[in-house]
């Protein structure tokens, strides 16, 4: 399990520089000094530790456990990605994708089967 986690995280992190390269640097409309201090590595690690286990992976198939138990190299790589987003104030397009799956319970399916279809009006 650990080697599968490490290989999935490693696979994603090898593509992170390609994703960051797509971001326009620097943006001309941003002030030279940001109004808020940059995110620190400690803040990122604290947020990672607060992730709940046993959640489904997102578009990149990264489980929360991979981030939590990936070690310092995973934490620092994710920190660099977040810092790039923080500085440019733009997330990569891949980060804006989401997977939505309907979750139908047995009672919902039984209820839906008993409902008559509505007549179609033109």
Protein backbone atom coordinates (compact mmCIF):
# COMPACT_ATOMS: atom_id res chain seq x y z
CA UNK A 1 0.00 0.00 0.00
CA UNK A 2 2.77 2.43 0.95
CA UNK A 3 4.63 1.87 -2.33
CA UNK A 4 1.41 2.46 -4.29
CA UNK A 5 0.83 5.69 -2.36
CA UNK A 6 4.38 6.85 -2.97
CA UNK A 7 4.22 6.04 -6.68
CA UNK A 8 0.91 7.91 -7.14
CA UNK A 9 2.18 10.96 -5.25
CA UNK A 10 5.48 10.82 -7.12
CA UNK A 11 3.62 10.59 -10.44
CA UNK A 12 1.58 13.67 -9.62
CA UNK A 13 4.49 15.66 -8.25
CA UNK A 14 6.52 15.05 -11.39
CA UNK A 15 3.76 16.86 -13.30
CA UNK A 16 3.42 19.71 -10.76
CA UNK A 17 6.19 21.80 -12.41
CA UNK A 18 4.38 21.45 -15.75
CA UNK A 19 1.18 22.71 -14.13
CA UNK A 20 2.99 25.61 -12.48
CA UNK A 21 4.70 26.47 -15.77
CA UNK A 22 1.28 27.18 -17.26
CA UNK A 23 0.67 29.95 -14.74
CA UNK A 24 1.50 33.44 -15.98
CA UNK A 25 4.35 34.91 -13.94
CA UNK A 26 4.33 37.69 -12.84
CA UNK A 27 0.91 39.20 -13.17
CA UNK A 28 1.18 42.94 -13.95
CA UNK A 29 -1.89 44.02 -11.96
CA UNK A 30 -0.68 42.53 -8.66
CA UNK A 31 1.04 44.85 -6.19
CA UNK A 32 4.70 44.11 -5.47
CA UNK A 33 3.95 43.52 -1.78
CA UNK A 34 0.95 41.26 -1.19
CA UNK A 35 -1.52 42.49 1.44
CA UNK A 36 -1.31 39.19 3.33
CA UNK A 37 1.79 37.25 4.34
CA UNK A 38 2.56 34.18 2.26
CA UNK A 39 1.47 30.76 3.37
CA UNK A 40 4.08 29.01 5.48
CA UNK A 41 5.15 25.38 5.34
CA UNK A 42 3.91 24.91 8.91
CA UNK A 43 0.43 26.10 7.91
CA UNK A 44 0.34 23.66 5.00
CA UNK A 45 1.52 20.75 7.17
CA UNK A 46 -1.08 21.64 9.84
CA UNK A 47 -3.82 21.70 7.19
CA UNK A 48 -2.64 18.36 5.79
CA UNK A 49 -2.70 16.78 9.26
CA UNK A 50 -6.32 17.92 9.70
CA UNK A 51 -7.48 16.06 6.59
CA UNK A 52 -9.93 13.27 7.30
CA UNK A 53 -8.99 9.72 6.35
CA UNK A 54 -11.07 7.39 4.16
CA UNK A 55 -12.25 10.10 1.77
CA UNK A 56 -12.47 9.49 -1.95
CA UNK A 57 -9.69 10.82 -4.15
CA UNK A 58 -10.19 13.75 -6.47
CA UNK A 59 -9.32 14.16 -10.13
CA UNK A 60 -5.65 13.33 -9.51
CA UNK A 61 -6.45 10.13 -7.55
CA UNK A 62 -4.57 11.35 -4.47
CA UNK A 63 -5.99 10.11 -1.19
CA UNK A 64 -5.73 12.24 1.96
CA UNK A 65 -3.64 9.47 3.52
CA UNK A 66 -1.06 9.88 0.76
CA UNK A 67 -0.61 13.53 1.67
CA UNK A 68 -0.69 12.91 5.42
CA UNK A 69 1.78 10.05 5.51
CA UNK A 70 3.88 10.97 2.47
CA UNK A 71 6.54 12.63 4.59
CA UNK A 72 8.49 15.85 4.31
CA UNK A 73 9.13 15.56 0.57
CA UNK A 74 5.39 15.37 -0.20
CA UNK A 75 4.66 18.22 2.22
CA UNK A 76 7.32 20.49 0.74
CA UNK A 77 6.25 19.68 -2.85
CA UNK A 78 2.63 20.48 -2.05
CA UNK A 79 3.81 23.65 -0.30
CA UNK A 80 5.61 24.76 -3.48
CA UNK A 81 2.44 24.17 -5.52
CA UNK A 82 0.32 26.12 -3.02
CA UNK A 83 2.89 28.91 -2.85
CA UNK A 84 2.85 29.23 -6.65
CA UNK A 85 -0.94 29.52 -6.55
CA UNK A 86 -0.73 32.03 -3.68
CA UNK A 87 1.74 34.24 -5.51
CA UNK A 88 -0.09 34.25 -8.83
CA UNK A 89 -3.58 34.24 -7.30
CA UNK A 90 -4.63 31.75 -9.96
CA UNK A 91 -5.24 28.04 -9.63
CA UNK A 92 -4.31 25.73 -12.50
CA UNK A 93 -7.28 24.68 -14.63
CA UNK A 94 -6.83 21.06 -13.53
CA UNK A 95 -7.52 22.12 -9.93
CA UNK A 96 -10.90 23.50 -10.97
CA UNK A 97 -12.19 20.12 -12.11
CA UNK A 98 -14.36 18.08 -9.82
CA UNK A 99 -16.00 14.71 -9.91
CA UNK A 100 -19.62 14.54 -8.80
CA UNK A 101 -21.22 11.16 -8.41
CA UNK A 102 -24.83 10.66 -7.39
CA UNK A 103 -25.24 8.72 -4.18
CA UNK A 104 -28.58 6.99 -4.26
CA UNK A 105 -29.74 5.03 -1.27
CA UNK A 106 -31.98 2.00 -1.56
CA UNK A 107 -34.97 3.94 -0.18
CA UNK A 108 -34.49 6.65 -2.83
CA UNK A 109 -34.42 4.05 -5.60
CA UNK A 110 -37.60 2.37 -4.30
CA UNK A 111 -39.34 5.73 -3.96
CA UNK A 112 -38.28 6.81 -7.46
CA UNK A 113 -39.61 3.55 -8.92
CA UNK A 114 -43.09 4.20 -7.51
CA UNK A 115 -43.41 7.74 -8.87
CA UNK A 116 -45.36 7.96 -12.12
CA UNK A 117 -43.70 9.96 -14.90
CA UNK A 118 -45.04 13.46 -15.46
CA UNK A 119 -46.94 14.09 -18.66
CA UNK A 120 -45.03 16.08 -21.25
CA UNK A 121 -46.67 19.33 -22.31
CA UNK A 122 -45.67 21.17 -25.44
